[in-house]
Amino acid sequence: MSIEQHRTRDQRRRALGRHLSRRFRMPRTHADEGVEDNYNLPGLALLGLGLIATALSLIAAANGFDGRAIAAAIIAAVLYLSGAVWLAAEWRRRNAQGRPNNIDRQGH
């Protein structure tokens, strides 16, 4: 292959990569958006604790502790539900505040 054919192949790969990255890219918000409004941290902590309770429930079930496994599963379900409700409430609160669009807040 000649050098020109390699260049066109590279150019085609780059163009395809740019096209795919634009097509399948998730819309991004401001980079510090999750850090600047930390009211959602308790909800994330509840979800994390739910994950730990799920792991403990699976460990208890694997070792034959049926009562403890059921208790840990119920606790995990409560933690997951409360974490999801917390995050949904914070999302609604944030949208109800009438904050400017993320595009407007991106200037540094």
N, C-alpha and C. Protein backbone atom coordinates (compact mmCIF):
# COMPACT_ATOMS: atom_id res chain seq x y z
N MET A 1 0.83 -1.18 0.00
CA MET A 1 0.00 0.00 0.00
C MET A 1 0.87 1.24 0.00
N SER A 2 0.40 2.22 -0.65
CA SER A 2 1.16 3.46 -0.71
C SER A 2 0.83 4.33 0.52
N ILE A 3 1.61 5.38 0.68
CA ILE A 3 1.40 6.30 1.81
C ILE A 3 0.05 6.98 1.69
N GLU A 4 -0.37 7.29 0.50
CA GLU A 4 -1.66 7.95 0.32
C GLU A 4 -2.82 7.06 0.76
N GLN A 5 -2.72 5.76 0.50
CA GLN A 5 -3.78 4.85 0.93
C GLN A 5 -3.83 4.75 2.45
N HIS A 6 -2.66 4.77 3.11
CA HIS A 6 -2.64 4.75 4.57
C HIS A 6 -3.27 6.02 5.14
N ARG A 7 -2.96 7.14 4.53
CA ARG A 7 -3.54 8.40 5.03
C ARG A 7 -5.05 8.39 4.87
N THR A 8 -5.54 7.94 3.78
CA THR A 8 -6.99 7.94 3.59
C THR A 8 -7.66 6.95 4.54
N ARG A 9 -7.00 5.83 4.82
CA ARG A 9 -7.57 4.88 5.77
C ARG A 9 -7.60 5.50 7.16
N ASP A 10 -6.52 6.17 7.56
CA ASP A 10 -6.51 6.85 8.85
C ASP A 10 -7.56 7.95 8.92
N GLN A 11 -7.69 8.67 7.83
CA GLN A 11 -8.70 9.72 7.81
C GLN A 11 -10.09 9.13 7.92
N ARG A 12 -10.32 8.00 7.26
CA ARG A 12 -11.62 7.34 7.36
C ARG A 12 -11.87 6.85 8.78
N ARG A 13 -10.87 6.31 9.43
CA ARG A 13 -11.04 5.84 10.80
C ARG A 13 -11.35 7.00 11.74
N ARG A 14 -10.63 8.10 11.57
CA ARG A 14 -10.89 9.27 12.42
C ARG A 14 -12.30 9.81 12.20
N ALA A 15 -12.70 9.89 10.94
CA ALA A 15 -14.04 10.39 10.65
C ALA A 15 -15.11 9.47 11.24
N LEU A 16 -14.90 8.17 11.14
CA LEU A 16 -15.85 7.23 11.71
C LEU A 16 -15.87 7.36 13.24
N GLY A 17 -14.70 7.50 13.84
CA GLY A 17 -14.63 7.68 15.29
C GLY A 17 -15.34 8.94 15.75
N ARG A 18 -15.17 10.04 15.01
CA ARG A 18 -15.86 11.28 15.36
C ARG A 18 -17.36 11.11 15.22
N HIS A 19 -17.78 10.43 14.16
CA HIS A 19 -19.21 10.22 13.94
C HIS A 19 -19.81 9.37 15.06
N LEU A 20 -19.13 8.28 15.42
CA LEU A 20 -19.66 7.41 16.47
C LEU A 20 -19.65 8.10 17.82
N SER A 21 -18.62 8.90 18.10
CA SER A 21 -18.58 9.56 19.39
C SER A 21 -19.69 10.61 19.49
N ARG A 22 -20.03 11.26 18.38
CA ARG A 22 -21.14 12.22 18.41
C ARG A 22 -22.48 11.51 18.52
N ARG A 23 -22.60 10.37 17.85
CA ARG A 23 -23.89 9.69 17.80
C ARG A 23 -24.22 9.02 19.12
N PHE A 24 -23.27 8.38 19.76
CA PHE A 24 -23.53 7.60 20.96
C PHE A 24 -23.11 8.31 22.24
N ARG A 25 -22.70 9.55 22.14
CA ARG A 25 -22.26 10.28 23.32
C ARG A 25 -23.47 10.65 24.18
N MET A 26 -23.31 10.46 25.46
CA MET A 26 -24.35 10.88 26.39
C MET A 26 -24.21 12.40 26.58
N PRO A 27 -25.33 13.09 26.71
CA PRO A 27 -25.21 14.52 26.94
C PRO A 27 -24.54 14.79 28.28
N ARG A 28 -23.54 15.59 28.27
CA ARG A 28 -22.78 15.88 29.49
C ARG A 28 -23.25 17.19 30.08
N THR A 29 -23.18 17.25 31.37
CA THR A 29 -23.49 18.50 32.06
C THR A 29 -22.18 19.09 32.54
N HIS A 30 -22.26 20.09 33.31
CA HIS A 30 -21.07 20.75 33.83
C HIS A 30 -20.28 19.75 34.67
N ALA A 31 -18.98 19.81 34.60
CA ALA A 31 -18.13 18.81 35.24
C ALA A 31 -18.29 18.79 36.75
N ASP A 32 -18.50 19.92 37.37
CA ASP A 32 -18.59 19.99 38.83
C ASP A 32 -20.02 19.95 39.34
N GLU A 33 -20.96 19.57 38.49
CA GLU A 33 -22.36 19.65 38.89
C GLU A 33 -22.67 18.74 40.07
N GLY A 34 -22.11 17.56 40.12
CA GLY A 34 -22.37 16.66 41.22
C GLY A 34 -21.70 17.08 42.50
N VAL A 35 -20.66 17.89 42.40
CA VAL A 35 -19.90 18.28 43.59
C VAL A 35 -20.44 19.58 44.17
N GLU A 36 -20.91 20.48 43.33
CA GLU A 36 -21.28 21.80 43.85
C GLU A 36 -22.61 21.78 44.59
N ASP A 37 -23.47 20.82 44.32
CA ASP A 37 -24.73 20.69 45.05
C ASP A 37 -24.71 19.34 45.75
N ASN A 38 -24.24 19.32 47.00
CA ASN A 38 -24.02 18.04 47.68
C ASN A 38 -25.21 17.59 48.50
N TYR A 39 -26.40 18.07 48.22
CA TYR A 39 -27.59 17.62 48.93
C TYR A 39 -27.99 16.21 48.53
N ASN A 40 -27.43 15.68 47.47
CA ASN A 40 -27.77 14.33 47.06
C ASN A 40 -26.85 13.28 47.69
N LEU A 41 -25.87 13.69 48.46
CA LEU A 41 -24.94 12.74 49.07
C LEU A 41 -25.61 11.76 50.04
N PRO A 42 -26.58 12.17 50.86
CA PRO A 42 -27.24 11.17 51.70
C PRO A 42 -27.95 10.09 50.88
N GLY A 43 -28.55 10.46 49.77
CA GLY A 43 -29.19 9.47 48.91
C GLY A 43 -28.18 8.50 48.33
N LEU A 44 -27.03 9.02 47.92
CA LEU A 44 -25.99 8.14 47.40
C LEU A 44 -25.43 7.24 48.50
N ALA A 45 -25.31 7.78 49.71
CA ALA A 45 -24.84 6.97 50.82
C ALA A 45 -25.84 5.86 51.15
N LEU A 46 -27.13 6.17 51.09
CA LEU A 46 -28.15 5.14 51.33
C LEU A 46 -28.07 4.04 50.27
N LEU A 47 -27.85 4.41 49.03
CA LEU A 47 -27.71 3.40 47.97
C LEU A 47 -26.46 2.55 48.20
N GLY A 48 -25.39 3.17 48.65
CA GLY A 48 -24.16 2.42 48.96
C GLY A 48 -24.37 1.45 50.11
N LEU A 49 -25.07 1.90 51.14
CA LEU A 49 -25.38 1.01 52.26
C LEU A 49 -26.30 -0.13 51.83
N GLY A 50 -27.20 0.17 50.90
CA GLY A 50 -28.05 -0.89 50.36
C GLY A 50 -27.25 -1.94 49.62
N LEU A 51 -26.23 -1.49 48.91
CA LEU A 51 -25.34 -2.44 48.22
C LEU A 51 -24.60 -3.32 49.22
N ILE A 52 -24.14 -2.73 50.30
CA ILE A 52 -23.46 -3.51 51.34
C ILE A 52 -24.43 -4.49 51.98
N ALA A 53 -25.65 -4.05 52.26
CA ALA A 53 -26.65 -4.95 52.85
C ALA A 53 -27.00 -6.10 51.91
N THR A 54 -27.01 -5.82 50.59
CA THR A 54 -27.26 -6.88 49.62
C THR A 54 -26.14 -7.92 49.67
N ALA A 55 -24.90 -7.45 49.74
CA ALA A 55 -23.77 -8.37 49.82
C ALA A 55 -23.84 -9.19 51.10
N LEU A 56 -24.19 -8.56 52.21
CA LEU A 56 -24.31 -9.29 53.47
C LEU A 56 -25.44 -10.31 53.42
N SER A 57 -26.52 -9.96 52.74
CA SER A 57 -27.63 -10.89 52.59
C SER A 57 -27.22 -12.12 51.77
N LEU A 58 -26.47 -11.90 50.72
CA LEU A 58 -26.01 -13.03 49.90
C LEU A 58 -25.03 -13.90 50.67
N ILE A 59 -24.16 -13.28 51.45
CA ILE A 59 -23.21 -14.04 52.24
C ILE A 59 -23.93 -14.87 53.30
N ALA A 60 -24.93 -14.25 53.96
CA ALA A 60 -25.69 -14.98 54.98
C ALA A 60 -26.47 -16.13 54.36
N ALA A 61 -27.05 -15.91 53.19
CA ALA A 61 -27.80 -16.99 52.53
C ALA A 61 -26.88 -18.12 52.09
N ALA A 62 -25.68 -17.79 51.67
CA ALA A 62 -24.74 -18.82 51.23
C ALA A 62 -24.24 -19.66 52.39
N ASN A 63 -24.21 -19.09 53.58
CA ASN A 63 -23.72 -19.81 54.74
C ASN A 63 -24.83 -20.46 55.56
N GLY A 64 -26.05 -20.37 55.08
CA GLY A 64 -27.16 -21.06 55.74
C GLY A 64 -27.85 -20.27 56.83
N PHE A 65 -27.59 -19.01 56.98
CA PHE A 65 -28.27 -18.18 57.97
C PHE A 65 -29.50 -17.55 57.32
N ASP A 66 -30.58 -18.31 57.24
CA ASP A 66 -31.75 -17.86 56.50
C ASP A 66 -32.41 -16.63 57.13
N GLY A 67 -32.54 -16.61 58.43
CA GLY A 67 -33.18 -15.47 59.10
C GLY A 67 -32.39 -14.19 58.90
N ARG A 68 -31.08 -14.29 59.03
CA ARG A 68 -30.25 -13.11 58.84
C ARG A 68 -30.24 -12.66 57.37
N ALA A 69 -30.32 -13.63 56.47
CA ALA A 69 -30.35 -13.29 55.05
C ALA A 69 -31.63 -12.53 54.71
N ILE A 70 -32.75 -12.97 55.24
CA ILE A 70 -34.02 -12.29 54.98
C ILE A 70 -34.01 -10.90 55.60
N ALA A 71 -33.50 -10.79 56.83
CA ALA A 71 -33.42 -9.47 57.48
C ALA A 71 -32.54 -8.52 56.69
N ALA A 72 -31.38 -9.00 56.24
CA ALA A 72 -30.48 -8.14 55.45
C ALA A 72 -31.10 -7.76 54.12
N ALA A 73 -31.86 -8.68 53.52
CA ALA A 73 -32.52 -8.36 52.24
C ALA A 73 -33.60 -7.30 52.44
N ILE A 74 -34.34 -7.38 53.53
CA ILE A 74 -35.36 -6.36 53.81
C ILE A 74 -34.70 -5.01 54.08
N ILE A 75 -33.62 -5.03 54.85
CA ILE A 75 -32.89 -3.78 55.11
C ILE A 75 -32.34 -3.20 53.81
N ALA A 76 -31.82 -4.06 52.94
CA ALA A 76 -31.30 -3.59 51.66
C ALA A 76 -32.40 -2.96 50.82
N ALA A 77 -33.58 -3.59 50.81
CA ALA A 77 -34.69 -3.04 50.03
C ALA A 77 -35.12 -1.68 50.56
N VAL A 78 -35.16 -1.56 51.89
CA VAL A 78 -35.52 -0.27 52.50
C VAL A 78 -34.47 0.79 52.16
N LEU A 79 -33.21 0.42 52.23
CA LEU A 79 -32.14 1.39 51.92
C LEU A 79 -32.18 1.81 50.45
N TYR A 80 -32.38 0.86 49.55
CA TYR A 80 -32.48 1.19 48.13
C TYR A 80 -33.67 2.13 47.87
N LEU A 81 -34.79 1.79 48.45
CA LEU A 81 -35.99 2.62 48.24
C LEU A 81 -35.81 4.02 48.81
N SER A 82 -35.28 4.10 50.03
CA SER A 82 -35.11 5.43 50.62
C SER A 82 -34.05 6.24 49.87
N GLY A 83 -33.00 5.60 49.39
CA GLY A 83 -32.00 6.32 48.60
C GLY A 83 -32.58 6.83 47.29
N ALA A 84 -33.38 6.00 46.63
CA ALA A 84 -34.00 6.43 45.37
C ALA A 84 -35.00 7.56 45.60
N VAL A 85 -35.77 7.48 46.69
CA VAL A 85 -36.71 8.55 47.00
C VAL A 85 -35.97 9.85 47.32
N TRP A 86 -34.88 9.74 48.06
CA TRP A 86 -34.08 10.93 48.38
C TRP A 86 -33.55 11.59 47.11
N LEU A 87 -32.98 10.79 46.21
CA LEU A 87 -32.44 11.35 44.97
C LEU A 87 -33.53 11.96 44.10
N ALA A 88 -34.69 11.31 44.06
CA ALA A 88 -35.80 11.85 43.27
C ALA A 88 -36.29 13.18 43.86
N ALA A 89 -36.36 13.25 45.20
CA ALA A 89 -36.80 14.49 45.84
C ALA A 89 -35.79 15.61 45.59
N GLU A 90 -34.51 15.30 45.65
CA GLU A 90 -33.50 16.32 45.39
C GLU A 90 -33.51 16.76 43.93
N TRP A 91 -33.77 15.83 43.04
CA TRP A 91 -33.86 16.18 41.63
C TRP A 91 -35.03 17.12 41.38
N ARG A 92 -36.17 16.81 42.02
CA ARG A 92 -37.34 17.69 41.88
C ARG A 92 -37.08 19.06 42.51
N ARG A 93 -36.42 19.05 43.67
CA ARG A 93 -36.13 20.32 44.34
C ARG A 93 -35.23 21.19 43.48
N ARG A 94 -34.25 20.55 42.88
CA ARG A 94 -33.30 21.30 42.06
C ARG A 94 -33.95 21.85 40.80
N ASN A 95 -34.82 21.06 40.19
CA ASN A 95 -35.51 21.55 39.00
C ASN A 95 -36.54 22.62 39.34
N ALA A 96 -37.11 22.58 40.53
CA ALA A 96 -38.11 23.57 40.93
C ALA A 96 -37.48 24.91 41.29
N GLN A 97 -36.18 24.93 41.54
CA GLN A 97 -35.52 26.17 41.92
C GLN A 97 -35.39 27.14 40.75
N GLY A 98 -35.54 26.66 39.56
CA GLY A 98 -35.41 27.54 38.41
C GLY A 98 -33.97 27.95 38.16
N ARG A 99 -33.05 27.04 38.39
CA ARG A 99 -31.64 27.35 38.14
C ARG A 99 -31.40 27.58 36.66
N PRO A 100 -30.39 28.36 36.34
CA PRO A 100 -30.06 28.56 34.92
C PRO A 100 -29.62 27.26 34.27
N ASN A 101 -29.71 27.25 32.96
CA ASN A 101 -29.26 26.07 32.22
C ASN A 101 -27.80 25.79 32.48
N ASN A 102 -27.40 24.56 32.28
CA ASN A 102 -26.02 24.18 32.48
C ASN A 102 -25.09 24.93 31.52
N ILE A 103 -25.57 25.23 30.33
CA ILE A 103 -24.76 25.96 29.36
C ILE A 103 -24.42 27.34 29.92
N ASP A 104 -25.37 27.97 30.60
CA ASP A 104 -25.13 29.30 31.14
C ASP A 104 -24.13 29.27 32.30
N ARG A 105 -24.02 28.17 33.02
CA ARG A 105 -23.18 28.10 34.20
C ARG A 105 -21.76 27.65 33.88
N GLN A 106 -21.43 27.35 32.65
CA GLN A 106 -20.15 26.74 32.35
C GLN A 106 -18.99 27.72 32.22
N GLY A 107 -19.23 28.96 32.25
CA GLY A 107 -18.13 29.91 32.14
C GLY A 107 -17.31 29.94 33.42
N HIS A 108 -15.99 29.97 33.27
CA HIS A 108 -15.13 30.00 34.46
C HIS A 108 -14.38 31.28 34.51
